Protein backbone atom coordinates (compact mmCIF):
# COMPACT_ATOMS: atom_id res chain seq x y z
CA MET A 1 16.79 10.25 -0.77
CA GLN A 2 14.40 9.06 1.94
CA ALA A 3 10.67 8.46 2.19
CA THR A 4 7.94 8.08 4.78
CA VAL A 5 5.56 5.13 4.44
CA LEU A 6 1.86 4.97 5.31
CA ILE A 7 0.63 1.39 5.67
CA PRO A 8 -3.18 1.17 5.70
CA ALA A 9 -4.17 -2.05 7.48
CA ALA A 10 -7.58 -1.08 8.85
CA GLY A 11 -9.67 -3.43 6.70
CA MET A 12 -11.69 -6.14 8.42
CA GLY A 13 -10.71 -8.90 5.97
CA ARG A 14 -14.14 -10.55 5.95
CA ARG A 15 -13.31 -12.57 2.82
CA MET A 16 -10.60 -14.37 4.75
CA GLY A 17 -13.19 -15.92 7.10
CA ALA A 18 -10.74 -15.97 10.03
CA LYS A 19 -11.27 -15.08 13.71
CA VAL A 20 -8.62 -12.34 13.56
CA ASN A 21 -8.10 -9.65 10.95
CA LYS A 22 -6.06 -10.81 7.98
CA GLN A 23 -3.00 -8.67 8.78
CA TYR A 24 -2.40 -10.79 11.92
CA LEU A 25 -2.72 -14.19 10.24
CA GLU A 26 0.51 -16.15 10.34
CA LEU A 27 2.69 -16.33 7.24
CA ALA A 28 5.88 -18.38 7.66
CA GLY A 29 5.85 -17.92 11.42
CA LYS A 30 5.05 -14.19 11.56
CA PRO A 31 1.94 -12.04 11.09
CA ILE A 32 1.39 -10.85 7.53
CA LEU A 33 1.74 -7.26 8.74
CA ALA A 34 5.16 -8.03 10.26
CA HIS A 35 6.40 -9.23 6.87
CA THR A 36 5.09 -6.05 5.25
CA LEU A 37 6.70 -3.77 7.83
CA GLU A 38 9.98 -5.64 7.48
CA LEU A 39 10.19 -4.69 3.79
CA PHE A 40 10.54 -1.03 4.77
CA GLU A 41 12.27 -1.42 8.13
CA GLN A 42 15.26 -2.93 6.36
CA SER A 43 15.57 -0.21 3.70
CA ALA A 44 18.02 2.63 4.33
CA GLN A 45 15.79 4.85 2.16
CA ILE A 46 12.84 4.62 4.52
CA GLU A 47 12.86 7.13 7.38
CA HIS A 48 9.51 6.60 9.13
CA ILE A 49 6.66 4.07 8.99
CA TYR A 50 3.06 4.81 10.00
CA PRO A 51 0.79 1.73 10.22
CA ILE A 52 -2.89 2.67 10.08
CA LEU A 53 -5.15 0.29 12.02
CA PRO A 54 -8.61 -0.10 13.52
CA ALA A 55 -8.56 1.95 16.73
CA ASP A 56 -9.36 -1.05 18.90
CA GLU A 57 -6.37 -3.00 17.51
CA ILE A 58 -3.67 -0.42 18.19
CA ASP A 59 -2.59 -1.81 21.56
CA TYR A 60 -2.59 -5.37 20.22
CA CYS A 61 -0.53 -4.41 17.19
CA ARG A 62 1.95 -2.46 19.30
CA GLU A 63 2.52 -5.44 21.61
CA GLN A 64 2.25 -8.39 19.21
CA VAL A 65 3.80 -6.93 16.06
CA ILE A 66 5.77 -3.72 16.62
CA GLU A 67 7.43 -4.46 19.96
CA LYS A 68 7.61 -8.23 19.54
CA HIS A 69 9.47 -7.95 16.24
CA GLY A 70 11.49 -4.83 17.08
CA PHE A 71 10.37 -2.37 14.41
CA SER A 72 12.28 0.79 15.25
CA LYS A 73 11.12 2.91 12.29
CA VAL A 74 7.45 2.80 13.30
CA ARG A 75 6.90 6.33 14.54
CA LYS A 76 3.20 6.20 15.37
CA LEU A 77 0.21 3.85 15.11
CA VAL A 78 -2.67 5.74 13.49
CA PRO A 79 -6.39 4.99 13.93
CA GLY A 80 -8.03 4.10 10.63
CA GLY A 81 -11.31 5.26 9.13
CA ALA A 82 -14.43 3.75 7.61
CA GLU A 83 -12.92 3.55 4.11
CA ARG A 84 -9.35 3.06 2.97
CA GLN A 85 -9.26 6.66 1.74
CA ASP A 86 -10.30 7.83 5.22
CA SER A 87 -7.45 5.80 6.70
CA VAL A 88 -4.87 7.31 4.37
CA ARG A 89 -6.21 10.78 5.16
CA ASN A 90 -5.70 10.04 8.86
CA GLY A 91 -2.13 9.07 7.99
CA LEU A 92 -1.56 12.42 6.28
CA LEU A 93 -2.95 14.22 9.32
CA ALA A 94 -0.51 12.28 11.51
CA LEU A 95 2.34 13.50 9.32
CA GLN A 96 1.17 17.08 9.78
CA GLN A 97 1.05 16.62 13.54
CA ASP A 98 4.62 15.30 13.47
CA SER A 99 5.85 18.16 11.23
CA LEU A 100 6.53 15.79 8.35
CA ASP A 101 4.44 17.72 5.83
CA GLN A 102 7.23 19.35 3.81
CA PRO A 103 6.06 19.88 0.18
CA GLU A 104 8.82 17.77 -1.40
CA ARG A 105 8.75 14.94 1.14
CA ILE A 106 8.14 11.59 -0.56
CA ILE A 107 5.17 9.69 0.80
CA LEU A 108 4.63 6.02 -0.04
CA VAL A 109 1.34 4.23 0.59
CA HIS A 110 1.54 0.44 0.77
CA ASP A 111 -1.16 -2.10 1.61
CA GLY A 112 -0.59 -3.89 4.91
CA ALA A 113 -1.65 -7.14 3.23
CA ARG A 114 1.03 -6.99 0.49
CA PRO A 115 3.97 -8.72 2.20
CA LEU A 116 5.77 -9.76 -1.01
CA PHE A 117 6.72 -6.43 -2.61
CA ASN A 118 10.26 -6.54 -3.98
CA PRO A 119 12.15 -3.81 -2.07
CA GLN A 120 14.84 -3.76 -4.75
CA LEU A 121 12.41 -1.58 -6.72
CA LEU A 122 12.45 1.15 -4.05
CA PRO A 123 15.45 3.17 -5.32
CA GLU A 124 14.00 3.51 -8.83
CA LEU A 125 10.50 4.20 -7.49
CA LEU A 126 11.73 6.98 -5.22
CA ALA A 127 13.86 8.51 -7.98
CA ILE A 128 10.84 8.70 -10.32
CA ILE A 129 8.68 10.27 -7.60
CA ALA A 130 11.36 12.87 -6.82
CA GLU A 131 11.59 13.78 -10.51
CA GLN A 132 7.97 13.53 -11.66
CA GLY A 133 5.92 13.91 -8.48
CA ALA A 134 3.99 10.64 -8.51
CA CYS A 135 4.56 7.00 -9.45
CA ILE A 136 2.91 3.67 -8.72
CA ILE A 137 3.97 0.05 -8.97
CA ALA A 138 1.85 -1.90 -11.47
CA THR A 139 1.96 -4.91 -13.78
CA PRO A 140 0.66 -5.35 -17.35
CA ALA A 141 -2.69 -7.13 -17.47
CA LYS A 142 -2.27 -10.75 -18.56
CA ASP A 143 -5.96 -11.52 -19.10
CA THR A 144 -8.47 -10.04 -21.50
CA ILE A 145 -10.63 -7.58 -19.56
CA LYS A 146 -14.35 -7.15 -20.33
CA GLU A 147 -16.52 -4.15 -19.54
CA VAL A 148 -19.86 -5.44 -18.25
CA ASP A 149 -23.20 -3.78 -17.60
CA ALA A 150 -26.16 -5.68 -16.14
CA GLY A 151 -24.51 -9.01 -16.90
CA LEU A 152 -23.79 -8.20 -20.55
CA ILE A 153 -20.44 -7.39 -22.18
CA CYS A 154 -20.38 -3.82 -23.46
CA GLY A 155 -16.72 -3.49 -24.38
CA THR A 156 -13.29 -5.08 -24.55
CA PRO A 157 -10.49 -2.60 -23.77
CA GLU A 158 -7.23 -3.03 -25.64
CA ARG A 159 -5.16 -5.24 -23.33
CA LYS A 160 -1.78 -3.65 -24.11
CA ARG A 161 -3.08 -0.40 -22.55
CA LEU A 162 -4.22 -2.07 -19.32
CA TRP A 163 -2.11 -2.35 -16.17
CA GLN A 164 -3.06 -3.73 -12.77
CA ALA A 165 -2.31 -1.24 -10.02
CA GLN A 166 -0.40 -2.44 -6.97
CA THR A 167 1.34 -0.69 -4.11
CA PRO A 168 3.52 1.06 -3.09
CA GLN A 169 2.09 4.17 -4.66
CA GLY A 170 4.19 7.25 -4.03
CA PHE A 171 3.79 11.02 -4.22
CA ARG A 172 5.41 14.25 -3.22
CA TYR A 173 3.55 15.42 -0.14
CA GLN A 174 2.20 18.66 -1.57
CA LEU A 175 0.68 16.96 -4.62
CA PHE A 176 -0.87 14.23 -2.50
CA ALA A 177 -2.35 16.68 0.02
CA GLU A 178 -3.76 18.82 -2.81
CA ALA A 179 -5.43 15.78 -4.41
CA PHE A 180 -6.92 14.72 -1.07
CA ALA A 181 -8.29 18.21 -0.36
CA SER A 182 -9.96 18.31 -3.79
CA ALA A 183 -11.44 14.83 -3.37
CA ASP A 184 -12.79 15.71 0.05
CA ALA A 185 -14.40 18.88 -1.23
CA ALA A 186 -16.12 16.97 -4.06
CA GLY A 187 -17.02 13.89 -2.00
CA PHE A 188 -14.97 11.76 -4.39
CA LEU A 189 -13.97 8.25 -3.25
CA GLY A 190 -11.17 6.75 -5.33
CA THR A 191 -10.37 3.09 -5.77
CA ASP A 192 -6.67 3.77 -5.17
CA ASP A 193 -4.49 6.71 -4.17
CA ALA A 194 -3.33 7.53 -7.69
CA SER A 195 -6.92 8.05 -8.85
CA LEU A 196 -7.13 11.14 -6.64
CA LEU A 197 -4.27 12.76 -8.56
CA GLU A 198 -5.63 11.59 -11.91
CA ARG A 199 -8.92 13.29 -11.06
CA ILE A 200 -7.29 16.72 -10.83
CA GLY A 201 -5.21 16.26 -13.96
CA LYS A 202 -1.88 15.35 -12.38
CA THR A 203 0.42 12.96 -14.21
CA VAL A 204 1.20 9.66 -12.47
CA ALA A 205 4.05 7.48 -13.73
CA ILE A 206 4.09 3.68 -13.80
CA LEU A 207 6.97 1.46 -12.70
CA ALA A 208 6.68 -2.18 -13.74
CA GLY A 209 6.49 -4.37 -10.67
CA ASP A 210 6.31 -8.07 -9.94
CA TYR A 211 3.35 -10.42 -10.31
CA ARG A 212 4.33 -11.93 -6.96
CA ASN A 213 3.33 -8.70 -5.19
CA ILE A 214 -0.13 -10.07 -4.38
CA LYS A 215 -2.60 -8.70 -1.86
CA VAL A 216 -3.55 -11.39 0.65
CA THR A 217 -7.34 -11.23 0.72
CA THR A 218 -8.67 -14.80 0.63
CA PRO A 219 -7.55 -18.15 2.13
CA GLU A 220 -6.25 -19.12 -1.31
CA ASP A 221 -4.06 -16.00 -1.35
CA LEU A 222 -2.47 -17.07 1.92
CA VAL A 223 -1.50 -20.44 0.42
CA ILE A 224 -0.04 -18.69 -2.64
CA ALA A 225 1.81 -16.16 -0.50
CA THR A 226 3.40 -18.96 1.52
CA ALA A 227 4.66 -20.63 -1.65
CA LEU A 228 5.93 -17.34 -3.09
CA LEU A 229 7.74 -16.46 0.13
CA ASP A 230 9.48 -19.84 0.02
CA MET A 231 10.48 -19.08 -3.58
CA TYR A 232 11.94 -15.69 -2.59
CA ARG A 233 13.97 -17.33 0.16
CA GLU A 234 15.35 -19.98 -2.19
CA GLU A 235 16.37 -17.30 -4.71
CA SER A 236 18.18 -15.25 -2.04
CA ALA A 237 19.92 -18.25 -0.43
């Protein structure tokens, strides 16, 4: 069982406050994006990888990340869009252009700034997607979550029902394309990929992930990611 991965990395990373976009910041001697790509490059279950980038960064990424670090599974670098959803849509269009739009093909979407996903979860994730059509990695919420309106608490959801969505999020191609077409027609902008399927009444499964699978967004996240990467390396030594 194999999958194709879309890796949206077109965000500007303004919260990082750096001179380059966050996916090119160095983490343990390599760009964050290189660590992310490596997760899937090394998996026998991943057939193709499609990074999705700002159009003006494609040449830089090809030279400084893809070619420099020898990623052979990267099939095409795709120009991103204004919003993350636009970028993922561009990724789906690239799959169509490359004749990779078979209905049962498994598509994973993984944030370019999540370099610490545990790839040992991939076999189970792909098996669930093949059986049920859609599944995302997530972790149970550890904190009490408050609903707030105009600075005032208006509700406290039951914590045991709350999970924090991560990536990869995976879908059979036909389901994903159907959800995107419906969202486009309605002008709906989801906060993650799974929300597009939820909107049209499709069931999305959850696979418990790892709290270390953080998204590197702020300078503090980069410090934490460095420490977590060191921890992974010690565990695998």
